[in-house]
């Protein structure tokens, strides 16, 4: 999935856990936000200790804005039947900075390679259905300064764009601190300038990535 902008990517906001059963084998998928390989490895080791008595603890993770770092493991399952299908679910959903461990308690019945691929894929999807996602957007922290006559017009425009000031200071003028997605910045500045007859002033504080809370998602 993609939102159509190269300046944003889908991220895990809150992890979750789901379970799938196939021929008495239990597949428990635990998903967590991980922003580095070290975090992902630590999470995987934690799950292995938690489910030490399970037959398998297979994993996959994808880290980086463009998915630069990916790893997966079948943990003793036939090659290509667990880790790779799990990773493909994450990549297929466009999710970044997330790791998943699927724990299998063997039920005594062999599933075959096709059955394993389906079971691990289904388990990850069950886990994802219990997670919350958002968009990591590239944007600008902007300070907007305007006289009191123009404050109402500025706030009206911001409301229409779904942007709420991070902070505001009122002295002889109003100073509003905003976080604006990069895709909205140029148009918003143009609209504010027109609405105030050119009396508004802008100062870019910094550019950075941030989670757009106006776009929470669940799969």
N, C-alpha and C. Protein backbone atom coordinates (compact mmCIF):
# COMPACT_ATOMS: atom_id res chain seq x y z
N UNK A 1 0.85 -1.20 0.00
CA UNK A 1 0.00 0.00 0.00
C UNK A 1 0.88 1.24 0.00
N UNK A 2 0.40 2.29 -0.62
CA UNK A 2 1.17 3.51 -0.69
C UNK A 2 0.20 4.67 -0.72
N UNK A 3 0.60 5.77 -0.11
CA UNK A 3 -0.29 6.93 -0.09
C UNK A 3 -0.09 7.85 -1.28
N UNK A 4 0.80 7.44 -2.17
CA UNK A 4 1.01 8.23 -3.38
C UNK A 4 2.07 9.28 -3.26
N UNK A 5 2.74 9.36 -2.10
CA UNK A 5 3.78 10.35 -1.93
C UNK A 5 5.09 9.68 -1.59
N UNK A 6 6.16 10.08 -2.26
CA UNK A 6 7.46 9.52 -1.98
C UNK A 6 8.05 10.05 -0.70
N UNK A 7 7.42 11.06 -0.09
CA UNK A 7 7.95 11.66 1.11
C UNK A 7 7.31 11.10 2.37
N UNK A 8 6.59 10.01 2.29
CA UNK A 8 6.00 9.43 3.48
C UNK A 8 5.98 7.92 3.36
N UNK A 9 5.92 7.26 4.49
CA UNK A 9 5.85 5.81 4.48
C UNK A 9 5.05 5.33 5.68
N UNK A 10 4.52 4.13 5.55
CA UNK A 10 3.63 3.58 6.56
C UNK A 10 4.43 2.99 7.72
N UNK A 11 4.02 3.29 8.93
CA UNK A 11 4.73 2.80 10.10
C UNK A 11 3.76 2.20 11.11
N UNK A 12 4.31 1.35 11.95
CA UNK A 12 3.57 0.77 13.05
C UNK A 12 3.52 1.78 14.19
N UNK A 13 2.33 2.11 14.65
CA UNK A 13 2.17 3.03 15.78
C UNK A 13 2.05 2.23 17.07
N UNK A 14 1.28 1.16 17.01
CA UNK A 14 1.09 0.30 18.18
C UNK A 14 1.04 -1.15 17.73
N UNK A 15 1.89 -1.98 18.32
CA UNK A 15 1.96 -3.38 17.95
C UNK A 15 0.78 -4.18 18.46
N UNK A 16 0.79 -5.47 18.14
CA UNK A 16 -0.30 -6.32 18.57
C UNK A 16 0.04 -7.78 18.40
N UNK A 17 -0.91 -8.63 18.74
CA UNK A 17 -0.69 -10.07 18.66
C UNK A 17 -1.96 -10.76 18.14
N UNK A 18 -1.76 -11.71 17.23
CA UNK A 18 -2.87 -12.47 16.69
C UNK A 18 -2.51 -13.94 16.64
N UNK A 19 -3.51 -14.79 16.49
CA UNK A 19 -3.25 -16.23 16.51
C UNK A 19 -4.06 -16.93 15.42
N UNK A 20 -3.45 -17.97 14.87
CA UNK A 20 -4.10 -18.78 13.84
C UNK A 20 -3.82 -20.24 14.14
N UNK A 21 -4.83 -21.09 13.95
CA UNK A 21 -4.66 -22.52 14.21
C UNK A 21 -4.94 -23.33 12.95
N UNK A 22 -4.07 -24.29 12.68
CA UNK A 22 -4.20 -25.15 11.51
C UNK A 22 -3.84 -26.57 11.90
N UNK A 23 -4.81 -27.47 11.84
CA UNK A 23 -4.59 -28.89 12.17
C UNK A 23 -3.87 -29.05 13.50
N UNK A 24 -4.41 -28.36 14.50
CA UNK A 24 -3.95 -28.40 15.89
C UNK A 24 -2.60 -27.73 16.13
N UNK A 25 -1.96 -27.19 15.10
CA UNK A 25 -0.76 -26.38 15.29
C UNK A 25 -1.19 -24.94 15.56
N UNK A 26 -0.62 -24.34 16.60
CA UNK A 26 -0.92 -22.94 16.93
C UNK A 26 0.18 -22.04 16.39
N UNK A 27 -0.23 -20.98 15.72
CA UNK A 27 0.70 -19.99 15.19
C UNK A 27 0.37 -18.65 15.84
N UNK A 28 1.27 -18.17 16.69
CA UNK A 28 1.06 -16.92 17.43
C UNK A 28 1.96 -15.84 16.85
N UNK A 29 1.37 -14.81 16.28
CA UNK A 29 2.14 -13.72 15.67
C UNK A 29 2.20 -12.53 16.61
N UNK A 30 3.40 -12.12 16.97
CA UNK A 30 3.61 -10.95 17.81
C UNK A 30 4.35 -9.90 16.98
N UNK A 31 3.80 -8.70 16.94
CA UNK A 31 4.34 -7.64 16.08
C UNK A 31 4.70 -6.43 16.94
N UNK A 32 5.87 -5.86 16.68
CA UNK A 32 6.32 -4.73 17.48
C UNK A 32 7.05 -3.71 16.61
N UNK A 33 6.96 -2.47 17.02
CA UNK A 33 7.68 -1.39 16.34
C UNK A 33 9.17 -1.50 16.66
N UNK A 34 10.01 -1.48 15.63
CA UNK A 34 11.47 -1.56 15.79
C UNK A 34 12.10 -0.59 14.80
N UNK A 35 12.88 0.35 15.30
CA UNK A 35 13.46 1.37 14.44
C UNK A 35 14.93 1.12 14.10
N UNK A 36 15.46 -0.03 14.52
CA UNK A 36 16.84 -0.37 14.19
C UNK A 36 16.98 -1.89 14.22
N UNK A 37 18.06 -2.37 13.62
CA UNK A 37 18.32 -3.81 13.63
C UNK A 37 18.51 -4.31 15.06
N UNK A 38 19.17 -3.50 15.89
CA UNK A 38 19.40 -3.88 17.28
C UNK A 38 18.09 -4.07 18.03
N UNK A 39 17.14 -3.17 17.81
CA UNK A 39 15.83 -3.28 18.46
C UNK A 39 15.11 -4.54 17.99
N UNK A 40 15.19 -4.81 16.70
CA UNK A 40 14.52 -5.99 16.15
C UNK A 40 15.13 -7.27 16.72
N UNK A 41 16.46 -7.34 16.77
CA UNK A 41 17.13 -8.52 17.31
C UNK A 41 16.78 -8.73 18.78
N UNK A 42 16.75 -7.64 19.54
CA UNK A 42 16.39 -7.72 20.95
C UNK A 42 14.97 -8.25 21.14
N UNK A 43 14.05 -7.77 20.30
CA UNK A 43 12.66 -8.23 20.34
C UNK A 43 12.57 -9.72 20.02
N UNK A 44 13.28 -10.15 19.00
CA UNK A 44 13.26 -11.56 18.60
C UNK A 44 13.77 -12.45 19.73
N UNK A 45 14.87 -12.04 20.37
CA UNK A 45 15.42 -12.81 21.48
C UNK A 45 14.43 -12.86 22.65
N UNK A 46 13.75 -11.75 22.87
CA UNK A 46 12.75 -11.71 23.94
C UNK A 46 11.63 -12.72 23.68
N UNK A 47 11.18 -12.79 22.43
CA UNK A 47 10.11 -13.72 22.08
C UNK A 47 10.59 -15.17 22.20
N UNK A 48 11.83 -15.43 21.85
CA UNK A 48 12.37 -16.78 21.96
C UNK A 48 12.42 -17.23 23.42
N UNK A 49 12.71 -16.28 24.30
CA UNK A 49 12.74 -16.61 25.73
C UNK A 49 11.32 -16.79 26.28
N UNK A 50 10.41 -15.94 25.81
CA UNK A 50 9.03 -16.04 26.27
C UNK A 50 8.40 -17.36 25.84
N UNK A 51 8.65 -17.74 24.58
CA UNK A 51 8.09 -18.98 24.04
C UNK A 51 9.19 -20.03 23.86
N UNK A 52 9.95 -20.25 24.90
CA UNK A 52 11.09 -21.16 24.86
C UNK A 52 10.68 -22.60 24.58
N UNK A 53 9.42 -22.95 24.92
CA UNK A 53 8.96 -24.33 24.77
C UNK A 53 8.30 -24.59 23.42
N UNK A 54 8.29 -23.58 22.52
CA UNK A 54 7.66 -23.75 21.21
C UNK A 54 8.61 -24.46 20.24
N UNK A 55 8.04 -25.10 19.23
CA UNK A 55 8.86 -25.81 18.23
C UNK A 55 9.65 -24.81 17.37
N UNK A 56 9.01 -23.71 17.00
CA UNK A 56 9.66 -22.72 16.13
C UNK A 56 9.30 -21.30 16.56
N UNK A 57 10.25 -20.38 16.41
CA UNK A 57 10.01 -18.94 16.55
C UNK A 57 10.59 -18.27 15.30
N UNK A 58 9.80 -18.23 14.25
CA UNK A 58 10.24 -17.66 12.98
C UNK A 58 10.06 -16.14 13.02
N UNK A 59 10.87 -15.42 12.24
CA UNK A 59 10.76 -13.96 12.32
C UNK A 59 11.02 -13.29 10.98
N UNK A 60 10.61 -12.03 10.94
CA UNK A 60 10.90 -11.16 9.80
C UNK A 60 10.84 -9.72 10.28
N UNK A 61 11.68 -8.88 9.71
CA UNK A 61 11.58 -7.46 10.04
C UNK A 61 12.04 -6.60 8.88
N UNK A 62 11.54 -5.37 8.89
CA UNK A 62 11.83 -4.40 7.84
C UNK A 62 12.09 -3.05 8.49
N UNK A 63 13.29 -2.52 8.31
CA UNK A 63 13.69 -1.27 8.95
C UNK A 63 14.17 -0.26 7.91
N UNK A 64 13.80 1.00 8.10
CA UNK A 64 14.24 2.07 7.20
C UNK A 64 13.09 2.63 6.39
N UNK A 65 13.20 3.89 6.03
CA UNK A 65 12.14 4.58 5.29
C UNK A 65 11.81 3.89 3.98
N UNK A 66 12.80 3.29 3.35
CA UNK A 66 12.59 2.59 2.07
C UNK A 66 12.78 1.09 2.23
N UNK A 67 12.72 0.62 3.46
CA UNK A 67 12.91 -0.80 3.70
C UNK A 67 14.31 -1.26 3.38
N UNK A 68 15.29 -0.41 3.71
CA UNK A 68 16.69 -0.72 3.34
C UNK A 68 17.20 -1.99 4.01
N UNK A 69 16.72 -2.28 5.19
CA UNK A 69 17.21 -3.45 5.93
C UNK A 69 16.08 -4.43 6.17
N UNK A 70 16.21 -5.63 5.63
CA UNK A 70 15.22 -6.68 5.87
C UNK A 70 15.95 -7.96 6.25
N UNK A 71 15.33 -8.71 7.15
CA UNK A 71 15.86 -10.00 7.56
C UNK A 71 14.68 -10.94 7.81
N UNK A 72 14.92 -12.24 7.64
CA UNK A 72 13.88 -13.20 7.96
C UNK A 72 14.53 -14.55 8.27
N UNK A 73 13.83 -15.39 8.99
CA UNK A 73 14.35 -16.70 9.37
C UNK A 73 13.22 -17.72 9.46
N UNK A 74 13.49 -18.93 8.95
CA UNK A 74 12.53 -20.02 9.04
C UNK A 74 12.66 -20.78 10.36
N UNK A 75 13.72 -20.55 11.10
CA UNK A 75 13.95 -21.16 12.41
C UNK A 75 13.63 -22.66 12.43
N UNK A 76 14.17 -23.37 11.49
CA UNK A 76 14.01 -24.82 11.47
C UNK A 76 12.89 -25.35 10.61
N UNK A 77 11.99 -24.48 10.16
CA UNK A 77 10.96 -24.91 9.22
C UNK A 77 11.62 -25.12 7.84
N UNK A 78 10.99 -25.87 6.94
CA UNK A 78 11.55 -26.04 5.60
C UNK A 78 11.84 -24.67 4.95
N UNK A 79 12.95 -24.60 4.25
CA UNK A 79 13.41 -23.33 3.67
C UNK A 79 12.32 -22.64 2.82
N UNK A 80 12.11 -21.37 3.13
CA UNK A 80 11.17 -20.56 2.35
C UNK A 80 9.72 -20.70 2.73
N UNK A 81 9.41 -21.44 3.80
CA UNK A 81 8.00 -21.66 4.15
C UNK A 81 7.50 -20.74 5.26
N UNK A 82 8.41 -19.99 5.91
CA UNK A 82 7.98 -19.19 7.06
C UNK A 82 8.48 -17.75 6.98
N UNK A 83 9.80 -17.57 7.16
CA UNK A 83 10.35 -16.21 7.22
C UNK A 83 10.08 -15.37 5.99
N UNK A 84 10.32 -15.93 4.81
CA UNK A 84 10.11 -15.17 3.58
C UNK A 84 8.65 -14.80 3.37
N UNK A 85 7.70 -15.74 3.53
CA UNK A 85 6.29 -15.35 3.40
C UNK A 85 5.88 -14.29 4.43
N UNK A 86 6.43 -14.38 5.63
CA UNK A 86 6.13 -13.37 6.66
C UNK A 86 6.63 -12.00 6.23
N UNK A 87 7.87 -11.96 5.73
CA UNK A 87 8.45 -10.69 5.27
C UNK A 87 7.64 -10.12 4.11
N UNK A 88 7.19 -10.97 3.22
CA UNK A 88 6.43 -10.51 2.06
C UNK A 88 5.12 -9.87 2.47
N UNK A 89 4.53 -10.32 3.58
CA UNK A 89 3.31 -9.67 4.08
C UNK A 89 3.63 -8.24 4.51
N UNK A 90 4.72 -8.07 5.28
CA UNK A 90 5.11 -6.73 5.73
C UNK A 90 5.38 -5.82 4.53
N UNK A 91 6.17 -6.32 3.58
CA UNK A 91 6.52 -5.50 2.42
C UNK A 91 5.30 -5.22 1.56
N UNK A 92 4.42 -6.21 1.44
CA UNK A 92 3.22 -6.04 0.63
C UNK A 92 2.29 -4.98 1.17
N UNK A 93 2.28 -4.83 2.50
CA UNK A 93 1.45 -3.80 3.13
C UNK A 93 2.16 -2.45 3.21
N UNK A 94 3.41 -2.40 2.74
CA UNK A 94 4.16 -1.14 2.76
C UNK A 94 4.57 -0.69 4.15
N UNK A 95 4.72 -1.64 5.07
CA UNK A 95 5.01 -1.30 6.46
C UNK A 95 6.52 -1.22 6.68
N UNK A 96 6.95 -0.20 7.39
CA UNK A 96 8.35 -0.01 7.71
C UNK A 96 8.54 0.03 9.23
N UNK A 97 9.77 -0.24 9.67
CA UNK A 97 10.13 -0.19 11.09
C UNK A 97 9.24 -1.09 11.94
N UNK A 98 9.12 -2.33 11.51
CA UNK A 98 8.31 -3.31 12.23
C UNK A 98 8.97 -4.68 12.17
N UNK A 99 8.77 -5.44 13.23
CA UNK A 99 9.27 -6.82 13.29
C UNK A 99 8.14 -7.73 13.73
N UNK A 100 8.14 -8.95 13.21
CA UNK A 100 7.12 -9.93 13.60
C UNK A 100 7.80 -11.26 13.91
N UNK A 101 7.37 -11.88 15.00
CA UNK A 101 7.79 -13.23 15.35
C UNK A 101 6.54 -14.10 15.37
N UNK A 102 6.57 -15.19 14.62
CA UNK A 102 5.47 -16.14 14.65
C UNK A 102 5.95 -17.40 15.38
N UNK A 103 5.33 -17.67 16.49
CA UNK A 103 5.65 -18.82 17.32
C UNK A 103 4.74 -19.99 16.95
N UNK A 104 5.34 -21.14 16.69
CA UNK A 104 4.53 -22.32 16.34
C UNK A 104 4.64 -23.41 17.40
N UNK A 105 3.47 -23.79 17.90
CA UNK A 105 3.37 -24.97 18.75
C UNK A 105 2.83 -26.10 17.87
N UNK A 106 3.65 -27.10 17.63
CA UNK A 106 3.33 -28.18 16.70
C UNK A 106 2.17 -29.03 17.21
N UNK A 107 1.22 -29.28 16.32
CA UNK A 107 0.02 -30.03 16.70
C UNK A 107 0.07 -31.50 16.35
N UNK A 108 1.19 -31.98 15.81
CA UNK A 108 1.32 -33.40 15.53
C UNK A 108 1.00 -33.80 14.10
N UNK A 109 0.51 -32.85 13.30
CA UNK A 109 0.16 -33.14 11.91
C UNK A 109 1.01 -32.28 10.98
N UNK A 110 1.70 -32.91 10.04
CA UNK A 110 2.52 -32.16 9.08
C UNK A 110 1.62 -31.39 8.13
N UNK A 111 1.99 -30.15 7.82
CA UNK A 111 1.16 -29.29 6.96
C UNK A 111 1.63 -29.26 5.52
N UNK A 112 2.85 -29.70 5.26
CA UNK A 112 3.38 -29.60 3.91
C UNK A 112 3.87 -28.17 3.66
N UNK A 113 4.68 -27.99 2.62
CA UNK A 113 5.25 -26.66 2.36
C UNK A 113 4.17 -25.63 2.05
N UNK A 114 3.19 -26.00 1.22
CA UNK A 114 2.13 -25.05 0.89
C UNK A 114 1.31 -24.68 2.10
N UNK A 115 1.03 -25.66 2.95
CA UNK A 115 0.25 -25.41 4.16
C UNK A 115 0.99 -24.52 5.13
N UNK A 116 2.32 -24.69 5.22
CA UNK A 116 3.11 -23.84 6.11
C UNK A 116 3.13 -22.39 5.63
N UNK A 117 3.32 -22.21 4.33
CA UNK A 117 3.33 -20.85 3.78
C UNK A 117 2.00 -20.16 4.09
N UNK A 118 0.90 -20.86 3.88
CA UNK A 118 -0.42 -20.27 4.13
C UNK A 118 -0.60 -19.97 5.61
N UNK A 119 -0.16 -20.87 6.47
CA UNK A 119 -0.36 -20.70 7.90
C UNK A 119 0.45 -19.52 8.45
N UNK A 120 1.72 -19.42 8.05
CA UNK A 120 2.54 -18.30 8.53
C UNK A 120 2.05 -16.97 7.96
N UNK A 121 1.63 -16.99 6.72
CA UNK A 121 1.08 -15.77 6.12
C UNK A 121 -0.18 -15.34 6.85
N UNK A 122 -1.07 -16.28 7.09
CA UNK A 122 -2.32 -15.98 7.78
C UNK A 122 -2.08 -15.47 9.20
N UNK A 123 -1.11 -16.07 9.88
CA UNK A 123 -0.81 -15.65 11.25
C UNK A 123 -0.36 -14.19 11.30
N UNK A 124 0.53 -13.82 10.36
CA UNK A 124 1.00 -12.42 10.33
C UNK A 124 -0.17 -11.47 10.07
N UNK A 125 -1.05 -11.84 9.16
CA UNK A 125 -2.20 -10.99 8.86
C UNK A 125 -3.12 -10.86 10.07
N UNK A 126 -3.26 -11.94 10.84
CA UNK A 126 -4.06 -11.89 12.06
C UNK A 126 -3.43 -10.91 13.06
N UNK A 127 -2.10 -10.97 13.16
CA UNK A 127 -1.40 -10.04 14.05
C UNK A 127 -1.54 -8.60 13.61
N UNK A 128 -1.39 -8.37 12.31
CA UNK A 128 -1.51 -7.01 11.78
C UNK A 128 -2.90 -6.42 11.99
N UNK A 129 -3.91 -7.29 11.97
CA UNK A 129 -5.28 -6.81 12.16
C UNK A 129 -5.50 -6.25 13.56
N UNK A 130 -4.58 -6.52 14.46
CA UNK A 130 -4.69 -6.04 15.84
C UNK A 130 -3.68 -4.95 16.14
N UNK A 131 -3.06 -4.42 15.10
CA UNK A 131 -2.10 -3.33 15.24
C UNK A 131 -2.71 -2.01 14.74
N UNK A 132 -2.08 -0.92 15.13
CA UNK A 132 -2.48 0.40 14.65
C UNK A 132 -1.32 0.99 13.84
N UNK A 133 -1.66 1.60 12.71
CA UNK A 133 -0.65 2.14 11.81
C UNK A 133 -0.89 3.62 11.53
N UNK A 134 0.15 4.30 11.09
CA UNK A 134 0.04 5.69 10.68
C UNK A 134 1.02 5.94 9.55
N UNK A 135 1.16 7.21 9.17
CA UNK A 135 2.10 7.58 8.11
C UNK A 135 3.21 8.44 8.69
N UNK A 136 4.44 8.05 8.41
CA UNK A 136 5.59 8.88 8.76
C UNK A 136 5.79 9.85 7.60
N UNK A 137 5.58 11.12 7.88
CA UNK A 137 5.62 12.14 6.82
C UNK A 137 6.82 13.07 6.99
N UNK A 138 7.31 13.55 5.86
CA UNK A 138 8.37 14.54 5.87
C UNK A 138 7.71 15.91 5.89
N UNK A 139 8.11 16.74 6.84
CA UNK A 139 7.45 18.04 6.95
C UNK A 139 8.36 19.10 7.53
N UNK A 140 7.74 20.23 7.84
CA UNK A 140 8.47 21.40 8.32
C UNK A 140 7.85 21.93 9.61
N UNK A 141 8.72 22.24 10.57
CA UNK A 141 8.26 22.98 11.74
C UNK A 141 8.33 24.46 11.38
N UNK A 142 7.20 25.12 11.42
CA UNK A 142 7.07 26.48 10.89
C UNK A 142 6.52 27.41 11.96
N UNK A 143 7.13 28.59 12.09
CA UNK A 143 6.57 29.60 12.99
C UNK A 143 5.88 30.66 12.14
N UNK A 144 4.62 30.90 12.45
CA UNK A 144 3.81 31.86 11.72
C UNK A 144 3.51 33.05 12.63
N UNK A 145 3.86 34.23 12.18
CA UNK A 145 3.63 35.44 12.97
C UNK A 145 2.64 36.34 12.23
N UNK A 146 1.63 36.82 12.96
CA UNK A 146 0.57 37.63 12.35
C UNK A 146 -0.03 38.57 13.39
N UNK A 147 -0.57 39.71 12.94
CA UNK A 147 -1.23 40.61 13.88
C UNK A 147 -2.60 40.02 14.25
N UNK A 148 -3.21 40.59 15.27
CA UNK A 148 -4.44 40.01 15.79
C UNK A 148 -5.60 40.03 14.80
N UNK A 149 -5.57 40.93 13.85
CA UNK A 149 -6.63 40.99 12.85
C UNK A 149 -6.62 39.76 11.93
N UNK A 150 -5.46 39.17 11.80
CA UNK A 150 -5.35 38.04 10.87
C UNK A 150 -5.37 36.67 11.53
N UNK A 151 -5.38 36.62 12.87
CA UNK A 151 -5.31 35.34 13.57
C UNK A 151 -6.48 34.43 13.22
N UNK A 152 -7.67 34.98 13.22
CA UNK A 152 -8.87 34.19 12.93
C UNK A 152 -8.79 33.54 11.55
N UNK A 153 -8.30 34.29 10.56
CA UNK A 153 -8.20 33.75 9.20
C UNK A 153 -7.18 32.61 9.15
N UNK A 154 -6.07 32.78 9.86
CA UNK A 154 -5.03 31.74 9.89
C UNK A 154 -5.58 30.48 10.54
N UNK A 155 -6.23 30.62 11.67
CA UNK A 155 -6.76 29.46 12.39
C UNK A 155 -7.83 28.75 11.57
N UNK A 156 -8.59 29.51 10.81
CA UNK A 156 -9.63 28.91 9.95
C UNK A 156 -8.98 28.05 8.86
N UNK A 157 -7.92 28.57 8.24
CA UNK A 157 -7.22 27.81 7.21
C UNK A 157 -6.57 26.55 7.79
N UNK A 158 -6.00 26.68 8.98
CA UNK A 158 -5.37 25.53 9.61
C UNK A 158 -6.38 24.44 9.93
N UNK A 159 -7.54 24.84 10.41
CA UNK A 159 -8.59 23.87 10.74
C UNK A 159 -9.02 23.10 9.49
N UNK A 160 -9.14 23.83 8.38
CA UNK A 160 -9.53 23.17 7.13
C UNK A 160 -8.50 22.15 6.65
N UNK A 161 -7.24 22.38 7.02
CA UNK A 161 -6.16 21.47 6.61
C UNK A 161 -5.90 20.38 7.65
N UNK A 162 -6.64 20.44 8.77
CA UNK A 162 -6.44 19.44 9.81
C UNK A 162 -5.14 19.64 10.58
N UNK A 163 -4.66 20.88 10.65
CA UNK A 163 -3.41 21.18 11.35
C UNK A 163 -3.71 21.98 12.61
N UNK A 164 -3.22 21.50 13.72
CA UNK A 164 -3.43 22.18 15.00
C UNK A 164 -2.10 22.74 15.47
N UNK A 165 -2.05 24.01 15.90
CA UNK A 165 -0.79 24.59 16.36
C UNK A 165 -0.17 23.77 17.49
N UNK A 166 1.14 23.56 17.41
CA UNK A 166 1.86 22.87 18.48
C UNK A 166 1.92 23.76 19.71
N UNK A 167 2.11 25.07 19.46
CA UNK A 167 2.12 26.05 20.55
C UNK A 167 1.73 27.41 19.98
N UNK A 168 1.33 28.30 20.85
CA UNK A 168 0.98 29.67 20.43
C UNK A 168 1.41 30.66 21.50
N UNK A 169 1.85 31.82 21.05
CA UNK A 169 2.28 32.87 21.97
C UNK A 169 1.69 34.20 21.51
N UNK A 170 1.06 34.89 22.44
CA UNK A 170 0.40 36.14 22.11
C UNK A 170 1.05 37.28 22.87
N UNK A 171 1.72 38.17 22.15
CA UNK A 171 2.31 39.38 22.74
C UNK A 171 1.71 40.56 21.99
N UNK A 172 2.54 41.35 21.33
CA UNK A 172 1.97 42.41 20.50
C UNK A 172 1.44 41.81 19.20
N UNK A 173 1.92 40.59 18.87
CA UNK A 173 1.42 39.83 17.73
C UNK A 173 1.20 38.39 18.16
N UNK A 174 0.63 37.61 17.27
CA UNK A 174 0.43 36.19 17.55
C UNK A 174 1.51 35.39 16.84
N UNK A 175 2.13 34.46 17.56
CA UNK A 175 3.14 33.57 16.98
C UNK A 175 2.67 32.13 17.16
N UNK A 176 2.42 31.45 16.05
CA UNK A 176 1.93 30.08 16.09
C UNK A 176 3.02 29.14 15.59
N UNK A 177 3.28 28.08 16.33
CA UNK A 177 4.26 27.06 15.92
C UNK A 177 3.49 25.89 15.33
N UNK A 178 3.83 25.53 14.09
CA UNK A 178 3.09 24.49 13.36
C UNK A 178 4.03 23.39 12.90
N UNK A 179 3.48 22.20 12.71
CA UNK A 179 4.16 21.12 12.02
C UNK A 179 3.34 20.84 10.77
N UNK A 180 3.93 21.11 9.60
CA UNK A 180 3.19 21.04 8.34
C UNK A 180 3.79 19.96 7.43
N UNK A 181 2.97 19.01 6.97
CA UNK A 181 3.47 18.02 6.00
C UNK A 181 4.02 18.72 4.77
N UNK A 182 5.08 18.16 4.21
CA UNK A 182 5.73 18.78 3.06
C UNK A 182 4.79 18.98 1.88
N UNK A 183 3.83 18.08 1.71
CA UNK A 183 2.89 18.18 0.59
C UNK A 183 1.92 19.34 0.73
N UNK A 184 1.80 19.88 1.95
CA UNK A 184 0.84 20.97 2.18
C UNK A 184 1.50 22.33 2.34
N UNK A 185 2.82 22.35 2.51
CA UNK A 185 3.49 23.59 2.91
C UNK A 185 3.31 24.73 1.92
N UNK A 186 3.63 24.51 0.66
CA UNK A 186 3.60 25.60 -0.32
C UNK A 186 2.20 26.19 -0.46
N UNK A 187 1.20 25.34 -0.58
CA UNK A 187 -0.18 25.82 -0.74
C UNK A 187 -0.65 26.56 0.52
N UNK A 188 -0.31 26.01 1.68
CA UNK A 188 -0.75 26.64 2.93
C UNK A 188 -0.15 28.02 3.09
N UNK A 189 1.13 28.17 2.79
CA UNK A 189 1.76 29.49 2.88
C UNK A 189 1.12 30.47 1.90
N UNK A 190 0.84 29.99 0.71
CA UNK A 190 0.19 30.84 -0.31
C UNK A 190 -1.19 31.29 0.17
N UNK A 191 -1.97 30.34 0.71
CA UNK A 191 -3.32 30.67 1.18
C UNK A 191 -3.29 31.64 2.35
N UNK A 192 -2.35 31.45 3.27
CA UNK A 192 -2.26 32.36 4.42
C UNK A 192 -1.82 33.75 3.99
N UNK A 193 -0.92 33.81 3.03
CA UNK A 193 -0.46 35.10 2.52
C UNK A 193 -1.61 35.86 1.86
N UNK A 194 -2.38 35.17 1.04
CA UNK A 194 -3.53 35.80 0.37
C UNK A 194 -4.60 36.22 1.36
N UNK A 195 -4.86 35.36 2.35
CA UNK A 195 -5.94 35.64 3.31
C UNK A 195 -5.63 36.85 4.20
N UNK A 196 -4.34 37.13 4.42
CA UNK A 196 -3.96 38.22 5.32
C UNK A 196 -3.41 39.43 4.57
N UNK A 197 -3.54 39.42 3.26
CA UNK A 197 -3.03 40.54 2.48
C UNK A 197 -1.53 40.69 2.58
N UNK A 198 -0.83 39.57 2.73
CA UNK A 198 0.63 39.60 2.77
C UNK A 198 1.22 40.00 4.11
N UNK A 199 0.39 40.08 5.16
CA UNK A 199 0.90 40.53 6.46
C UNK A 199 1.50 39.41 7.32
N UNK A 200 1.30 38.19 6.91
CA UNK A 200 1.82 37.06 7.68
C UNK A 200 3.31 36.85 7.39
N UNK A 201 4.05 36.41 8.41
CA UNK A 201 5.47 36.12 8.25
C UNK A 201 5.74 34.67 8.62
N UNK A 202 6.67 34.04 7.89
CA UNK A 202 6.99 32.65 8.12
C UNK A 202 8.47 32.49 8.47
N UNK A 203 8.74 31.58 9.38
CA UNK A 203 10.12 31.22 9.69
C UNK A 203 10.19 29.70 9.81
N UNK A 204 11.01 29.08 8.94
CA UNK A 204 11.19 27.63 9.00
C UNK A 204 12.18 27.31 10.12
N UNK A 205 11.72 26.50 11.06
CA UNK A 205 12.57 26.12 12.18
C UNK A 205 13.43 24.91 11.83
N UNK A 206 12.78 23.85 11.30
CA UNK A 206 13.52 22.65 10.89
C UNK A 206 12.65 21.78 10.01
N UNK A 207 13.28 20.89 9.30
CA UNK A 207 12.57 19.90 8.49
C UNK A 207 12.89 18.53 9.06
N UNK A 208 11.88 17.67 9.14
CA UNK A 208 12.08 16.38 9.79
C UNK A 208 10.92 15.44 9.46
N UNK A 209 11.08 14.16 9.85
CA UNK A 209 10.00 13.18 9.70
C UNK A 209 9.18 13.15 10.97
N UNK A 210 7.87 13.01 10.83
CA UNK A 210 6.99 12.93 11.99
C UNK A 210 5.80 12.05 11.64
N UNK A 211 5.17 11.47 12.67
CA UNK A 211 3.98 10.65 12.45
C UNK A 211 2.77 11.56 12.31
N UNK A 212 2.09 11.42 11.18
CA UNK A 212 0.89 12.21 10.93
C UNK A 212 -0.27 11.59 11.70
N UNK A 213 -0.60 12.19 12.82
CA UNK A 213 -1.66 11.64 13.69
C UNK A 213 -3.05 11.85 13.12
N UNK A 214 -3.14 12.64 12.07
CA UNK A 214 -4.44 12.83 11.43
C UNK A 214 -4.79 11.65 10.54
N UNK A 215 -3.86 10.69 10.40
CA UNK A 215 -4.09 9.58 9.49
C UNK A 215 -3.81 8.23 10.15
N UNK A 216 -4.40 7.98 11.33
CA UNK A 216 -4.21 6.66 11.92
C UNK A 216 -4.90 5.60 11.08
N UNK A 217 -4.36 4.40 11.06
CA UNK A 217 -4.93 3.34 10.25
C UNK A 217 -4.90 2.01 10.97
N UNK A 218 -5.82 1.15 10.57
CA UNK A 218 -5.77 -0.25 10.96
C UNK A 218 -5.94 -1.06 9.70
N UNK A 219 -5.25 -2.19 9.63
CA UNK A 219 -5.37 -3.05 8.45
C UNK A 219 -6.61 -3.90 8.58
